[in-house]
Amino acid sequence: MSDNNPQQGQINIELDEKTAEGIYSNLAIINHSASEFVVDFVTLMPGVPKAKVKSRIVLTPQHAKRFLKALGENIHRYELANGEIKDTEQPQVPLNFGPTGQA
């Protein structure tokens, strides 16, 4: 079968160069409504009092739960190969994140 005609049930996923570079984040802020979960990825820099959301992902509740399961499975496999990930104490970050509400 050629690359242009994937087998039934397979998805051809494209990854452009800019997206492949990724976006660094050291803070995730999660909010939810009855119909969606919103995950904002932020980069906080030491000594800088302001930070911007670098990326926002909006998920259905079902997809958020599948994502949680997949992430947990990947962390488990990582720790089997590399040892336990240590959870260091993080200072409380005062967040002024604007109004909250439902979609």
PDB file of N, CA and C in Angstrom:
ATOM      1  N   MET A   1       0.839  -1.177   0.000  1.00  0.00           N
ATOM      2  CA  MET A   1       0.000   0.000   0.000  1.00  0.00           C
ATOM      3  C   MET A   1       0.889   1.247   0.000  1.00  0.00           C
ATOM      4  N   SER A   2       0.573   2.257  -0.766  1.00  0.00           N
ATOM      5  CA  SER A   2       1.408   3.457  -0.846  1.00  0.00           C
ATOM      6  C   SER A   2       1.165   4.359   0.354  1.00  0.00           C
ATOM      7  N   ASP A   3       2.102   5.299   0.580  1.00  0.00           N
ATOM      8  CA  ASP A   3       1.974   6.230   1.693  1.00  0.00           C
ATOM      9  C   ASP A   3       0.781   7.156   1.525  1.00  0.00           C
ATOM     10  N   ASN A   4       0.341   7.373   0.295  1.00  0.00           N
ATOM     11  CA  ASN A   4      -0.783   8.266   0.049  1.00  0.00           C
ATOM     12  C   ASN A   4      -2.122   7.621   0.362  1.00  0.00           C
ATOM     13  N   ASN A   5      -2.161   6.311   0.495  1.00  0.00           N
ATOM     14  CA  ASN A   5      -3.396   5.590   0.778  1.00  0.00           C
ATOM     15  C   ASN A   5      -3.223   4.726   2.023  1.00  0.00           C
ATOM     16  N   PRO A   6      -3.340   5.340   3.218  1.00  0.00           N
ATOM     17  CA  PRO A   6      -3.169   4.542   4.425  1.00  0.00           C
ATOM     18  C   PRO A   6      -4.275   3.494   4.537  1.00  0.00           C
ATOM     19  N   GLN A   7      -3.956   2.399   5.226  1.00  0.00           N
ATOM     20  CA  GLN A   7      -4.940   1.352   5.416  1.00  0.00           C
ATOM     21  C   GLN A   7      -6.124   1.908   6.198  1.00  0.00           C
ATOM     22  N   GLN A   8      -7.280   1.303   5.997  1.00  0.00           N
ATOM     23  CA  GLN A   8      -8.483   1.748   6.694  1.00  0.00           C
ATOM     24  C   GLN A   8      -8.247   1.657   8.200  1.00  0.00           C
ATOM     25  N   GLY A   9      -8.664   2.665   8.937  1.00  0.00           N
ATOM     26  CA  GLY A   9      -8.474   2.703  10.378  1.00  0.00           C
ATOM     27  C   GLY A   9      -7.192   3.395  10.807  1.00  0.00           C
ATOM     28  N   GLN A  10      -6.308   3.697   9.870  1.00  0.00           N
ATOM     29  CA  GLN A  10      -5.077   4.406  10.190  1.00  0.00           C
ATOM     30  C   GLN A  10      -5.248   5.884   9.876  1.00  0.00           C
ATOM     31  N   ILE A  11      -4.546   6.706  10.616  1.00  0.00           N
ATOM     32  CA  ILE A  11      -4.594   8.150  10.403  1.00  0.00           C
ATOM     33  C   ILE A  11      -3.204   8.621  10.000  1.00  0.00           C
ATOM     34  N   ASN A  12      -3.126   9.376   8.936  1.00  0.00           N
ATOM     35  CA  ASN A  12      -1.875   9.976   8.499  1.00  0.00           C
ATOM     36  C   ASN A  12      -1.756  11.330   9.198  1.00  0.00           C
ATOM     37  N   ILE A  13      -0.798  11.449  10.110  1.00  0.00           N
ATOM     38  CA  ILE A  13      -0.631  12.680  10.884  1.00  0.00           C
ATOM     39  C   ILE A  13       0.593  13.420  10.369  1.00  0.00           C
ATOM     40  N   GLU A  14       0.407  14.682  10.025  1.00  0.00           N
ATOM     41  CA  GLU A  14       1.509  15.507   9.542  1.00  0.00           C
ATOM     42  C   GLU A  14       2.008  16.402  10.666  1.00  0.00           C
ATOM     43  N   LEU A  15       3.312  16.633  10.689  1.00  0.00           N
ATOM     44  CA  LEU A  15       3.936  17.484  11.687  1.00  0.00           C
ATOM     45  C   LEU A  15       4.860  18.453  10.960  1.00  0.00           C
ATOM     46  N   ASP A  16       4.459  19.735  10.903  1.00  0.00           N
ATOM     47  CA  ASP A  16       5.300  20.702  10.208  1.00  0.00           C
ATOM     48  C   ASP A  16       6.498  21.076  11.080  1.00  0.00           C
ATOM     49  N   GLU A  17       7.488  21.697  10.456  1.00  0.00           N
ATOM     50  CA  GLU A  17       8.756  21.983  11.127  1.00  0.00           C
ATOM     51  C   GLU A  17       8.587  22.892  12.336  1.00  0.00           C
ATOM     52  N   LYS A  18       7.785  23.927  12.231  1.00  0.00           N
ATOM     53  CA  LYS A  18       7.591  24.867  13.346  1.00  0.00           C
ATOM     54  C   LYS A  18       6.936  24.172  14.536  1.00  0.00           C
ATOM     55  N   THR A  19       5.913  23.369  14.288  1.00  0.00           N
ATOM     56  CA  THR A  19       5.239  22.654  15.362  1.00  0.00           C
ATOM     57  C   THR A  19       6.172  21.622  15.985  1.00  0.00           C
ATOM     58  N   ALA A  20       7.005  20.995  15.171  1.00  0.00           N
ATOM     59  CA  ALA A  20       7.931  19.976  15.666  1.00  0.00           C
ATOM     60  C   ALA A  20       8.948  20.554  16.650  1.00  0.00           C
ATOM     61  N   GLU A  21       9.232  21.849  16.558  1.00  0.00           N
ATOM     62  CA  GLU A  21      10.157  22.486  17.491  1.00  0.00           C
ATOM     63  C   GLU A  21       9.604  22.480  18.910  1.00  0.00           C
ATOM     64  N   GLY A  22       8.290  22.505  19.052  1.00  0.00           N
ATOM     65  CA  GLY A  22       7.664  22.491  20.365  1.00  0.00           C
ATOM     66  C   GLY A  22       7.695  23.842  21.045  1.00  0.00           C
ATOM     67  N   ILE A  23       7.020  23.918  22.176  1.00  0.00           N
ATOM     68  CA  ILE A  23       6.977  25.126  22.988  1.00  0.00           C
ATOM     69  C   ILE A  23       7.283  24.705  24.419  1.00  0.00           C
ATOM     70  N   TYR A  24       8.290  25.325  25.036  1.00  0.00           N
ATOM     71  CA  TYR A  24       8.653  25.001  26.409  1.00  0.00           C
ATOM     72  C   TYR A  24       7.617  25.576  27.364  1.00  0.00           C
ATOM     73  N   SER A  25       7.241  24.797  28.364  1.00  0.00           N
ATOM     74  CA  SER A  25       6.316  25.248  29.393  1.00  0.00           C
ATOM     75  C   SER A  25       6.745  24.674  30.731  1.00  0.00           C
ATOM     76  N   ASN A  26       6.681  25.502  31.781  1.00  0.00           N
ATOM     77  CA  ASN A  26       6.957  25.000  33.118  1.00  0.00           C
ATOM     78  C   ASN A  26       5.790  25.261  34.071  1.00  0.00           C
ATOM     79  N   LEU A  27       4.635  25.573  33.484  1.00  0.00           N
ATOM     80  CA  LEU A  27       3.412  25.755  34.264  1.00  0.00           C
ATOM     81  C   LEU A  27       2.215  25.449  33.371  1.00  0.00           C
ATOM     82  N   ALA A  28       1.295  24.676  33.893  1.00  0.00           N
ATOM     83  CA  ALA A  28       0.040  24.419  33.189  1.00  0.00           C
ATOM     84  C   ALA A  28      -1.102  24.847  34.107  1.00  0.00           C
ATOM     85  N   ILE A  29      -2.036  25.578  33.547  1.00  0.00           N
ATOM     86  CA  ILE A  29      -3.220  26.020  34.285  1.00  0.00           C
ATOM     87  C   ILE A  29      -4.413  25.334  33.649  1.00  0.00           C
ATOM     88  N   ILE A  30      -5.194  24.641  34.465  1.00  0.00           N
ATOM     89  CA  ILE A  30      -6.303  23.847  33.943  1.00  0.00           C
ATOM     90  C   ILE A  30      -7.613  24.380  34.501  1.00  0.00           C
ATOM     91  N   ASN A  31      -8.541  24.647  33.609  1.00  0.00           N
ATOM     92  CA  ASN A  31      -9.903  25.047  33.970  1.00  0.00           C
ATOM     93  C   ASN A  31     -10.867  24.133  33.231  1.00  0.00           C
ATOM     94  N   HIS A  32     -12.100  24.094  33.695  1.00  0.00           N
ATOM     95  CA  HIS A  32     -13.087  23.269  33.000  1.00  0.00           C
ATOM     96  C   HIS A  32     -14.487  23.846  33.167  1.00  0.00           C
ATOM     97  N   SER A  33     -15.319  23.486  32.213  1.00  0.00           N
ATOM     98  CA  SER A  33     -16.748  23.771  32.276  1.00  0.00           C
ATOM     99  C   SER A  33     -17.452  22.425  32.144  1.00  0.00           C
ATOM    100  N   ALA A  34     -18.741  22.443  32.000  1.00  0.00           N
ATOM    101  CA  ALA A  34     -19.480  21.192  31.836  1.00  0.00           C
ATOM    102  C   ALA A  34     -19.151  20.512  30.512  1.00  0.00           C
ATOM    103  N   SER A  35     -18.664  21.274  29.534  1.00  0.00           N
ATOM    104  CA  SER A  35     -18.483  20.709  28.197  1.00  0.00           C
ATOM    105  C   SER A  35     -17.039  20.610  27.722  1.00  0.00           C
ATOM    106  N   GLU A  36     -16.082  21.205  28.467  1.00  0.00           N
ATOM    107  CA  GLU A  36     -14.706  21.177  27.979  1.00  0.00           C
ATOM    108  C   GLU A  36     -13.702  21.409  29.095  1.00  0.00           C
ATOM    109  N   PHE A  37     -12.478  20.928  28.854  1.00  0.00           N
ATOM    110  CA  PHE A  37     -11.328  21.221  29.697  1.00  0.00           C
ATOM    111  C   PHE A  37     -10.414  22.131  28.895  1.00  0.00           C
ATOM    112  N   VAL A  38      -9.876  23.152  29.552  1.00  0.00           N
ATOM    113  CA  VAL A  38      -8.962  24.082  28.903  1.00  0.00           C
ATOM    114  C   VAL A  38      -7.628  24.011  29.644  1.00  0.00           C
ATOM    115  N   VAL A  39      -6.559  23.700  28.908  1.00  0.00           N
ATOM    116  CA  VAL A  39      -5.219  23.630  29.486  1.00  0.00           C
ATOM    117  C   VAL A  39      -4.386  24.728  28.844  1.00  0.00           C
ATOM    118  N   ASP A  40      -3.943  25.672  29.673  1.00  0.00           N
ATOM    119  CA  ASP A  40      -3.070  26.746  29.213  1.00  0.00           C
ATOM    120  C   ASP A  40      -1.652  26.430  29.651  1.00  0.00           C
ATOM    121  N   PHE A  41      -0.714  26.443  28.697  1.00  0.00           N
ATOM    122  CA  PHE A  41       0.690  26.187  28.972  1.00  0.00           C
ATOM    123  C   PHE A  41       1.424  27.523  29.007  1.00  0.00           C
ATOM    124  N   VAL A  42       2.150  27.761  30.105  1.00  0.00           N
ATOM    125  CA  VAL A  42       2.795  29.042  30.383  1.00  0.00           C
ATOM    126  C   VAL A  42       4.287  28.792  30.618  1.00  0.00           C
ATOM    127  N   THR A  43       5.112  29.781  30.278  1.00  0.00           N
ATOM    128  CA  THR A  43       6.525  29.746  30.623  1.00  0.00           C
ATOM    129  C   THR A  43       6.793  30.861  31.622  1.00  0.00           C
ATOM    130  N   LEU A  44       7.153  30.472  32.847  1.00  0.00           N
ATOM    131  CA  LEU A  44       7.522  31.433  33.883  1.00  0.00           C
ATOM    132  C   LEU A  44       9.036  31.555  33.906  1.00  0.00           C
ATOM    133  N   MET A  45       9.542  32.772  33.926  1.00  0.00           N
ATOM    134  CA  MET A  45      10.979  33.001  34.006  1.00  0.00           C
ATOM    135  C   MET A  45      11.297  33.627  35.359  1.00  0.00           C
ATOM    136  N   PRO A  46      12.360  33.176  36.015  1.00  0.00           N
ATOM    137  CA  PRO A  46      12.733  33.737  37.320  1.00  0.00           C
ATOM    138  C   PRO A  46      12.942  35.244  37.240  1.00  0.00           C
ATOM    139  N   GLY A  47      12.388  35.947  38.208  1.00  0.00           N
ATOM    140  CA  GLY A  47      12.580  37.387  38.286  1.00  0.00           C
ATOM    141  C   GLY A  47      11.726  38.203  37.337  1.00  0.00           C
ATOM    142  N   VAL A  48      10.924  37.554  36.520  1.00  0.00           N
ATOM    143  CA  VAL A  48      10.061  38.280  35.592  1.00  0.00           C
ATOM    144  C   VAL A  48       8.636  38.206  36.134  1.00  0.00           C
ATOM    145  N   PRO A  49       8.028  39.363  36.450  1.00  0.00           N
ATOM    146  CA  PRO A  49       6.730  39.340  37.117  1.00  0.00           C
ATOM    147  C   PRO A  49       5.539  39.035  36.203  1.00  0.00           C
ATOM    148  N   LYS A  50       5.785  38.905  34.909  1.00  0.00           N
ATOM    149  CA  LYS A  50       4.685  38.682  33.976  1.00  0.00           C
ATOM    150  C   LYS A  50       5.013  37.485  33.091  1.00  0.00           C
ATOM    151  N   ALA A  51       3.993  36.693  32.803  1.00  0.00           N
ATOM    152  CA  ALA A  51       4.169  35.534  31.923  1.00  0.00           C
ATOM    153  C   ALA A  51       2.980  35.463  30.986  1.00  0.00           C
ATOM    154  N   LYS A  52       3.209  34.919  29.798  1.00  0.00           N
ATOM    155  CA  LYS A  52       2.141  34.788  28.809  1.00  0.00           C
ATOM    156  C   LYS A  52       1.813  33.333  28.577  1.00  0.00           C
ATOM    157  N   VAL A  53       0.552  33.090  28.256  1.00  0.00           N
ATOM    158  CA  VAL A  53       0.154  31.760  27.820  1.00  0.00           C
ATOM    159  C   VAL A  53       0.806  31.521  26.465  1.00  0.00           C
ATOM    160  N   LYS A  54       1.539  30.418  26.333  1.00  0.00           N
ATOM    161  CA  LYS A  54       2.233  30.090  25.091  1.00  0.00           C
ATOM    162  C   LYS A  54       1.393  29.200  24.188  1.00  0.00           C
ATOM    163  N   SER A  55       0.508  28.401  24.810  1.00  0.00           N
ATOM    164  CA  SER A  55      -0.323  27.499  24.035  1.00  0.00           C
ATOM    165  C   SER A  55      -1.558  27.145  24.850  1.00  0.00           C
ATOM    166  N   ARG A  56      -2.683  26.997  24.184  1.00  0.00           N
ATOM    167  CA  ARG A  56      -3.940  26.598  24.841  1.00  0.00           C
ATOM    168  C   ARG A  56      -4.490  25.393  24.106  1.00  0.00           C
ATOM    169  N   ILE A  57      -4.843  24.372  24.881  1.00  0.00           N
ATOM    170  CA  ILE A  57      -5.447  23.166  24.338  1.00  0.00           C
ATOM    171  C   ILE A  57      -6.835  23.030  24.950  1.00  0.00           C
ATOM    172  N   VAL A  58      -7.841  22.832  24.111  1.00  0.00           N
ATOM    173  CA  VAL A  58      -9.217  22.650  24.569  1.00  0.00           C
ATOM    174  C   VAL A  58      -9.618  21.216  24.261  1.00  0.00           C
ATOM    175  N   LEU A  59     -10.088  20.501  25.294  1.00  0.00           N
ATOM    176  CA  LEU A  59     -10.418  19.082  25.183  1.00  0.00           C
ATOM    177  C   LEU A  59     -11.847  18.811  25.633  1.00  0.00           C
ATOM    178  N   THR A  60     -12.479  17.815  25.026  1.00  0.00           N
ATOM    179  CA  THR A  60     -13.748  17.337  25.569  1.00  0.00           C
ATOM    180  C   THR A  60     -13.446  16.600  26.875  1.00  0.00           C
ATOM    181  N   PRO A  61     -14.413  16.443  27.768  1.00  0.00           N
ATOM    182  CA  PRO A  61     -14.166  15.685  28.996  1.00  0.00           C
ATOM    183  C   PRO A  61     -13.680  14.259  28.717  1.00  0.00           C
ATOM    184  N   GLN A  62     -14.230  13.615  27.707  1.00  0.00           N
ATOM    185  CA  GLN A  62     -13.817  12.253  27.380  1.00  0.00           C
ATOM    186  C   GLN A  62     -12.360  12.226  26.915  1.00  0.00           C
ATOM    187  N   HIS A  63     -11.989  13.182  26.084  1.00  0.00           N
ATOM    188  CA  HIS A  63     -10.607  13.216  25.597  1.00  0.00           C
ATOM    189  C   HIS A  63      -9.652  13.582  26.724  1.00  0.00           C
ATOM    190  N   ALA A  64     -10.058  14.473  27.638  1.00  0.00           N
ATOM    191  CA  ALA A  64      -9.212  14.824  28.778  1.00  0.00           C
ATOM    192  C   ALA A  64      -8.924  13.581  29.619  1.00  0.00           C
ATOM    193  N   LYS A  65      -9.922  12.743  29.815  1.00  0.00           N
ATOM    194  CA  LYS A  65      -9.726  11.522  30.598  1.00  0.00           C
ATOM    195  C   LYS A  65      -8.803  10.547  29.872  1.00  0.00           C
ATOM    196  N   ARG A  66      -8.952  10.416  28.554  1.00  0.00           N
ATOM    197  CA  ARG A  66      -8.054   9.558  27.775  1.00  0.00           C
ATOM    198  C   ARG A  66      -6.627  10.102  27.817  1.00  0.00           C
ATOM    199  N   PHE A  67      -6.491  11.423  27.764  1.00  0.00           N
ATOM    200  CA  PHE A  67      -5.173  12.053  27.830  1.00  0.00           C
ATOM    201  C   PHE A  67      -4.512  11.774  29.182  1.00  0.00           C
ATOM    202  N   LEU A  68      -5.284  11.893  30.260  1.00  0.00           N
ATOM    203  CA  LEU A  68      -4.772  11.599  31.596  1.00  0.00           C
ATOM    204  C   LEU A  68      -4.261  10.164  31.676  1.00  0.00           C
ATOM    205  N   LYS A  69      -5.029   9.225  31.147  1.00  0.00           N
ATOM    206  CA  LYS A  69      -4.632   7.820  31.170  1.00  0.00           C
ATOM    207  C   LYS A  69      -3.359   7.604  30.345  1.00  0.00           C
ATOM    208  N   ALA A  70      -3.303   8.167  29.150  1.00  0.00           N
ATOM    209  CA  ALA A  70      -2.135   8.001  28.284  1.00  0.00           C
ATOM    210  C   ALA A  70      -0.895   8.632  28.908  1.00  0.00           C
ATOM    211  N   LEU A  71      -1.041   9.804  29.514  1.00  0.00           N
ATOM    212  CA  LEU A  71       0.093  10.459  30.162  1.00  0.00           C
ATOM    213  C   LEU A  71       0.578   9.624  31.346  1.00  0.00           C
ATOM    214  N   GLY A  72      -0.348   9.103  32.135  1.00  0.00           N
ATOM    215  CA  GLY A  72       0.023   8.249  33.257  1.00  0.00           C
ATOM    216  C   GLY A  72       0.774   7.007  32.813  1.00  0.00           C
ATOM    217  N   GLU A  73       0.319   6.373  31.738  1.00  0.00           N
ATOM    218  CA  GLU A  73       0.999   5.187  31.211  1.00  0.00           C
ATOM    219  C   GLU A  73       2.406   5.528  30.727  1.00  0.00           C
ATOM    220  N   ASN A  74       2.562   6.688  30.079  1.00  0.00           N
ATOM    221  CA  ASN A  74       3.876   7.099  29.595  1.00  0.00           C
ATOM    222  C   ASN A  74       4.818   7.444  30.746  1.00  0.00           C
ATOM    223  N   ILE A  75       4.308   8.089  31.785  1.00  0.00           N
ATOM    224  CA  ILE A  75       5.141   8.381  32.959  1.00  0.00           C
ATOM    225  C   ILE A  75       5.584   7.076  33.607  1.00  0.00           C
ATOM    226  N   HIS A  76       4.691   6.105  33.716  1.00  0.00           N
ATOM    227  CA  HIS A  76       5.037   4.803  34.288  1.00  0.00           C
ATOM    228  C   HIS A  76       6.166   4.143  33.496  1.00  0.00           C
ATOM    229  N   ARG A  77       6.057   4.125  32.168  1.00  0.00           N
ATOM    230  CA  ARG A  77       7.103   3.518  31.332  1.00  0.00           C
ATOM    231  C   ARG A  77       8.426   4.282  31.455  1.00  0.00           C
ATOM    232  N   TYR A  78       8.341   5.610  31.514  1.00  0.00           N
ATOM    233  CA  TYR A  78       9.543   6.427  31.681  1.00  0.00           C
ATOM    234  C   TYR A  78      10.244   6.071  32.985  1.00  0.00           C
ATOM    235  N   GLU A  79       9.468   5.989  34.079  1.00  0.00           N
ATOM    236  CA  GLU A  79      10.066   5.703  35.382  1.00  0.00           C
ATOM    237  C   GLU A  79      10.639   4.288  35.448  1.00  0.00           C
ATOM    238  N   LEU A  80      10.029   3.337  34.755  1.00  0.00           N
ATOM    239  CA  LEU A  80      10.606   1.992  34.695  1.00  0.00           C
ATOM    240  C   LEU A  80      11.975   2.016  34.038  1.00  0.00           C
ATOM    241  N   ALA A  81      12.127   2.838  33.016  1.00  0.00           N
ATOM    242  CA  ALA A  81      13.389   2.910  32.267  1.00  0.00           C
ATOM    243  C   ALA A  81      14.414   3.833  32.919  1.00  0.00           C
ATOM    244  N   ASN A  82      13.951   4.901  33.595  1.00  0.00           N
ATOM    245  CA  ASN A  82      14.862   5.948  34.051  1.00  0.00           C
ATOM    246  C   ASN A  82      14.841   6.211  35.550  1.00  0.00           C
ATOM    247  N   GLY A  83      14.008   5.543  36.283  1.00  0.00           N
ATOM    248  CA  GLY A  83      13.884   5.803  37.714  1.00  0.00           C
ATOM    249  C   GLY A  83      12.776   6.799  37.998  1.00  0.00           C
ATOM    250  N   GLU A  84      12.435   6.872  39.281  1.00  0.00           N
ATOM    251  CA  GLU A  84      11.310   7.713  39.705  1.00  0.00           C
ATOM    252  C   GLU A  84      11.583   9.189  39.425  1.00  0.00           C
ATOM    253  N   ILE A  85      10.578   9.874  38.943  1.00  0.00           N
ATOM    254  CA  ILE A  85      10.644  11.323  38.754  1.00  0.00           C
ATOM    255  C   ILE A  85      10.399  11.960  40.112  1.00  0.00           C
ATOM    256  N   LYS A  86      11.363  12.719  40.590  1.00  0.00           N
ATOM    257  CA  LYS A  86      11.236  13.376  41.894  1.00  0.00           C
ATOM    258  C   LYS A  86      10.369  14.617  41.756  1.00  0.00           C
ATOM    259  N   ASP A  87       9.418  14.772  42.646  1.00  0.00           N
ATOM    260  CA  ASP A  87       8.536  15.938  42.662  1.00  0.00           C
ATOM    261  C   ASP A  87       9.098  16.936  43.650  1.00  0.00           C
ATOM    262  N   THR A  88       9.776  17.963  43.151  1.00  0.00           N
ATOM    263  CA  THR A  88      10.385  18.963  44.022  1.00  0.00           C
ATOM    264  C   THR A  88       9.343  19.973  44.457  1.00  0.00           C
ATOM    265  N   GLU A  89       9.586  20.569  45.607  1.00  0.00           N
ATOM    266  CA  GLU A  89       8.683  21.598  46.110  1.00  0.00           C
ATOM    267  C   GLU A  89       8.744  22.819  45.193  1.00  0.00           C
ATOM    268  N   GLN A  90       7.613  23.277  44.782  1.00  0.00           N
ATOM    269  CA  GLN A  90       7.536  24.471  43.947  1.00  0.00           C
ATOM    270  C   GLN A  90       6.976  25.621  44.776  1.00  0.00           C
ATOM    271  N   PRO A  91       7.564  26.808  44.665  1.00  0.00           N
ATOM    272  CA  PRO A  91       6.997  27.951  45.379  1.00  0.00           C
ATOM    273  C   PRO A  91       5.618  28.273  44.822  1.00  0.00           C
ATOM    274  N   GLN A  92       4.749  28.754  45.689  1.00  0.00           N
ATOM    275  CA  GLN A  92       3.425  29.162  45.255  1.00  0.00           C
ATOM    276  C   GLN A  92       3.557  30.329  44.272  1.00  0.00           C
ATOM    277  N   VAL A  93       2.868  30.219  43.167  1.00  0.00           N
ATOM    278  CA  VAL A  93       2.906  31.264  42.157  1.00  0.00           C
ATOM    279  C   VAL A  93       1.598  32.037  42.242  1.00  0.00           C
ATOM    280  N   PRO A  94       1.665  33.319  42.614  1.00  0.00           N
ATOM    281  CA  PRO A  94       0.418  34.104  42.625  1.00  0.00           C
ATOM    282  C   PRO A  94      -0.013  34.345  41.178  1.00  0.00           C
ATOM    283  N   LEU A  95      -1.217  33.925  40.870  1.00  0.00           N
ATOM    284  CA  LEU A  95      -1.693  34.036  39.484  1.00  0.00           C
ATOM    285  C   LEU A  95      -2.778  35.087  39.388  1.00  0.00           C
ATOM    286  N   ASN A  96      -2.581  35.999  38.474  1.00  0.00           N
ATOM    287  CA  ASN A  96      -3.615  36.964  38.124  1.00  0.00           C
ATOM    288  C   ASN A  96      -3.988  36.604  36.698  1.00  0.00           C
ATOM    289  N   PHE A  97      -4.968  35.722  36.575  1.00  0.00           N
ATOM    290  CA  PHE A  97      -5.238  35.100  35.281  1.00  0.00           C
ATOM    291  C   PHE A  97      -6.529  35.602  34.647  1.00  0.00           C
ATOM    292  N   GLY A  98      -7.011  36.729  35.102  1.00  0.00           N
ATOM    293  CA  GLY A  98      -8.218  37.286  34.506  1.00  0.00           C
ATOM    294  C   GLY A  98      -9.469  36.593  34.992  1.00  0.00           C
ATOM    295  N   PRO A  99     -10.591  36.945  34.400  1.00  0.00           N
ATOM    296  CA  PRO A  99     -11.866  36.379  34.867  1.00  0.00           C
ATOM    297  C   PRO A  99     -11.974  34.907  34.510  1.00  0.00           C
ATOM    298  N   THR A 100     -12.702  34.188  35.344  1.00  0.00           N
ATOM    299  CA  THR A 100     -12.998  32.799  35.043  1.00  0.00           C
ATOM    300  C   THR A 100     -14.471  32.677  34.739  1.00  0.00           C
ATOM    301  N   GLY A 101     -14.823  31.701  33.975  1.00  0.00           N
ATOM    302  CA  GLY A 101     -16.228  31.529  33.623  1.00  0.00           C
ATOM    303  C   GLY A 101     -16.425  30.264  32.860  1.00  0.00           C
ATOM    304  N   GLN A 102     -17.645  30.073  32.402  1.00  0.00           N
ATOM    305  CA  GLN A 102     -17.980  28.884  31.638  1.00  0.00           C
ATOM    306  C   GLN A 102     -18.097  29.221  30.167  1.00  0.00           C
ATOM    307  N   ALA A 103     -17.805  28.210  29.359  1.00  0.00           N
ATOM    308  CA  ALA A 103     -17.897  28.400  27.914  1.00  0.00           C
ATOM    309  C   ALA A 103     -19.345  28.357  27.478  1.00  0.00           C
TER     310      ALA A 103
END
